[in-house]
Amino acid sequence: MTPDQKCEFEQRRIEVQRKHLANDPKLRAMRRKRKLSIAFSVTGSVIAVAFAMVLLKSFVLAHHGPRDYAQIVAPMLEGRADSSLAARLFGIDPVSAEIAGLLRPLLPAGSTVAASAPAAVIAPDAASATENAPDL
């Protein structure tokens, strides 16, 4: 066989294989299963992200309370209609309010974000000056 004949034979062989594979029920089932697994994985990922966002919103709502949460979210919703997607996502919904109610007893009472900061913040210049200052 010449190289041209080998090339033509290989092309014909590939075409025959493609036709046989296109009608193969096992291959069709595998392709269908692959499509379904991709769809399920994407759907599962979207559900997991939505669940994590509801939990995060619930935690912030439990930590700050409904009034402070509304103040935190208000700058993000400026200039948007009440029926916009952002307003629905960031708004207080019954599920996140219920989860926040369950989380509230687990959080320390009266805690604020600034409570963990030191009472007096020393500037770098002041820190070096106090190190070199004589003890009284």
Protein backbone atom coordinates (compact mmCIF):
# COMPACT_ATOMS: atom_id res chain seq x y z
CA MET A 1 0.00 0.00 0.00
CA THR A 2 1.16 3.44 -0.81
CA PRO A 3 1.02 6.22 1.79
CA ASP A 4 -1.94 7.83 -0.01
CA GLN A 5 -3.87 4.55 0.05
CA LYS A 6 -3.11 4.11 3.75
CA CYS A 7 -4.41 7.61 4.48
CA GLU A 8 -7.62 7.00 2.48
CA PHE A 9 -8.12 3.63 4.16
CA GLU A 10 -7.67 5.19 7.61
CA GLN A 11 -10.21 7.92 6.80
CA ARG A 12 -12.75 5.32 5.62
CA ARG A 13 -12.13 3.22 8.72
CA ILE A 14 -12.69 6.23 10.99
CA GLU A 15 -15.96 7.06 9.18
CA VAL A 16 -17.22 3.51 9.63
CA GLN A 17 -16.31 3.60 13.33
CA ARG A 18 -18.14 6.92 13.78
CA LYS A 19 -21.30 5.52 12.18
CA HIS A 20 -21.19 2.42 14.34
CA LEU A 21 -20.51 4.43 17.51
CA ALA A 22 -23.33 6.86 16.73
CA ASN A 23 -25.82 3.96 16.84
CA ASP A 24 -24.26 2.18 19.83
CA PRO A 25 -26.75 2.11 22.74
CA LYS A 26 -23.99 1.81 25.34
CA LEU A 27 -22.29 4.93 24.02
CA ARG A 28 -25.61 6.81 24.00
CA ALA A 29 -26.25 5.81 27.60
CA MET A 30 -22.76 6.92 28.61
CA ARG A 31 -23.22 10.29 26.89
CA ARG A 32 -26.62 10.78 28.53
CA LYS A 33 -25.15 9.86 31.92
CA ARG A 34 -22.29 12.33 31.41
CA LYS A 35 -24.72 15.13 30.52
CA LEU A 36 -26.83 14.38 33.58
CA SER A 37 -23.80 14.28 35.87
CA ILE A 38 -22.68 17.69 34.61
CA ALA A 39 -26.18 19.08 35.13
CA PHE A 40 -26.38 17.60 38.64
CA SER A 41 -22.96 18.93 39.61
CA VAL A 42 -23.81 22.45 38.42
CA THR A 43 -27.17 22.34 40.17
CA GLY A 44 -25.56 21.03 43.35
CA SER A 45 -22.95 23.78 43.27
CA VAL A 46 -25.59 26.47 42.87
CA ILE A 47 -27.60 25.03 45.76
CA ALA A 48 -24.50 24.84 47.97
CA VAL A 49 -23.57 28.48 47.25
CA ALA A 50 -27.15 29.62 47.91
CA PHE A 51 -27.23 27.70 51.19
CA ALA A 52 -23.89 29.21 52.26
CA MET A 53 -25.15 32.71 51.43
CA VAL A 54 -28.33 32.19 53.49
CA LEU A 55 -26.22 30.99 56.42
CA LEU A 56 -23.86 33.96 56.08
CA LYS A 57 -26.77 36.39 55.92
CA SER A 58 -28.34 34.69 58.94
CA PHE A 59 -25.12 34.95 60.94
CA VAL A 60 -24.73 38.66 60.15
CA LEU A 61 -28.40 39.21 60.97
CA ALA A 62 -28.04 37.37 64.30
CA HIS A 63 -24.85 39.22 65.15
CA HIS A 64 -26.00 42.75 64.34
CA GLY A 65 -29.79 42.54 64.65
CA PRO A 66 -32.41 43.44 62.03
CA ARG A 67 -32.09 47.22 62.35
CA ASP A 68 -28.28 47.30 62.06
CA TYR A 69 -28.38 44.72 59.25
CA ALA A 70 -30.74 46.99 57.31
CA GLN A 71 -28.28 49.87 57.80
CA ILE A 72 -25.37 47.71 56.61
CA VAL A 73 -27.24 46.60 53.49
CA ALA A 74 -28.79 49.99 52.67
CA PRO A 75 -25.74 51.41 50.77
CA MET A 76 -25.71 48.35 48.49
CA LEU A 77 -29.37 48.83 47.62
CA GLU A 78 -29.32 52.57 46.91
CA GLY A 79 -30.97 53.43 43.61
CA ARG A 80 -32.49 49.98 43.10
CA ALA A 81 -36.15 49.09 42.94
CA ASP A 82 -37.68 47.12 45.80
CA SER A 83 -38.37 44.24 43.44
CA SER A 84 -34.79 43.99 42.15
CA LEU A 85 -32.78 40.80 42.55
CA ALA A 86 -30.28 42.46 44.89
CA ALA A 87 -33.09 43.65 47.17
CA ARG A 88 -34.46 40.12 47.32
CA LEU A 89 -31.05 38.57 47.98
CA PHE A 90 -29.92 41.03 50.66
CA GLY A 91 -33.33 41.56 52.26
CA ILE A 92 -34.41 39.78 55.41
CA ASP A 93 -36.38 36.70 54.43
CA PRO A 94 -38.25 34.36 56.80
CA VAL A 95 -35.69 31.55 56.49
CA SER A 96 -32.67 33.70 57.36
CA ALA A 97 -34.63 35.41 60.16
CA GLU A 98 -35.52 32.01 61.65
CA ILE A 99 -31.92 30.78 61.41
CA ALA A 100 -30.73 34.07 62.95
CA GLY A 101 -33.16 33.49 65.81
CA LEU A 102 -31.59 30.08 66.39
CA LEU A 103 -28.04 31.49 66.19
CA ARG A 104 -28.65 34.52 68.44
CA PRO A 105 -28.43 32.56 71.76
CA LEU A 106 -25.10 31.09 70.66
CA LEU A 107 -23.49 34.50 70.18
CA PRO A 108 -22.15 36.49 73.15
CA ALA A 109 -24.58 39.14 74.38
CA GLY A 110 -23.82 42.74 73.43
CA SER A 111 -20.86 41.84 71.26
CA THR A 112 -19.78 44.32 68.66
CA VAL A 113 -17.16 44.20 65.98
CA ALA A 114 -15.05 46.85 67.70
CA ALA A 115 -15.14 45.04 71.06
CA SER A 116 -12.18 42.91 70.05
CA ALA A 117 -10.02 45.94 69.20
CA PRO A 118 -7.62 47.24 71.86
CA ALA A 119 -8.86 50.19 73.94
CA ALA A 120 -5.97 52.45 72.97
CA VAL A 121 -4.26 52.16 69.63
CA ILE A 122 -0.66 53.36 69.81
CA ALA A 123 0.83 54.95 66.72
CA PRO A 124 4.24 53.62 65.58
CA ASP A 125 5.99 56.88 66.57
CA ALA A 126 4.38 56.87 69.99
CA ALA A 127 5.32 53.23 70.51
CA SER A 128 9.00 53.93 69.94
CA ALA A 129 8.83 56.99 72.19
CA THR A 130 7.34 54.95 75.06
CA GLU A 131 10.02 52.27 74.70
CA ASN A 132 12.79 54.84 75.13
CA ALA A 133 11.03 56.71 77.93
CA PRO A 134 12.48 56.24 81.43
CA ASP A 135 10.48 54.22 83.94
CA LEU A 136 8.88 56.29 86.68
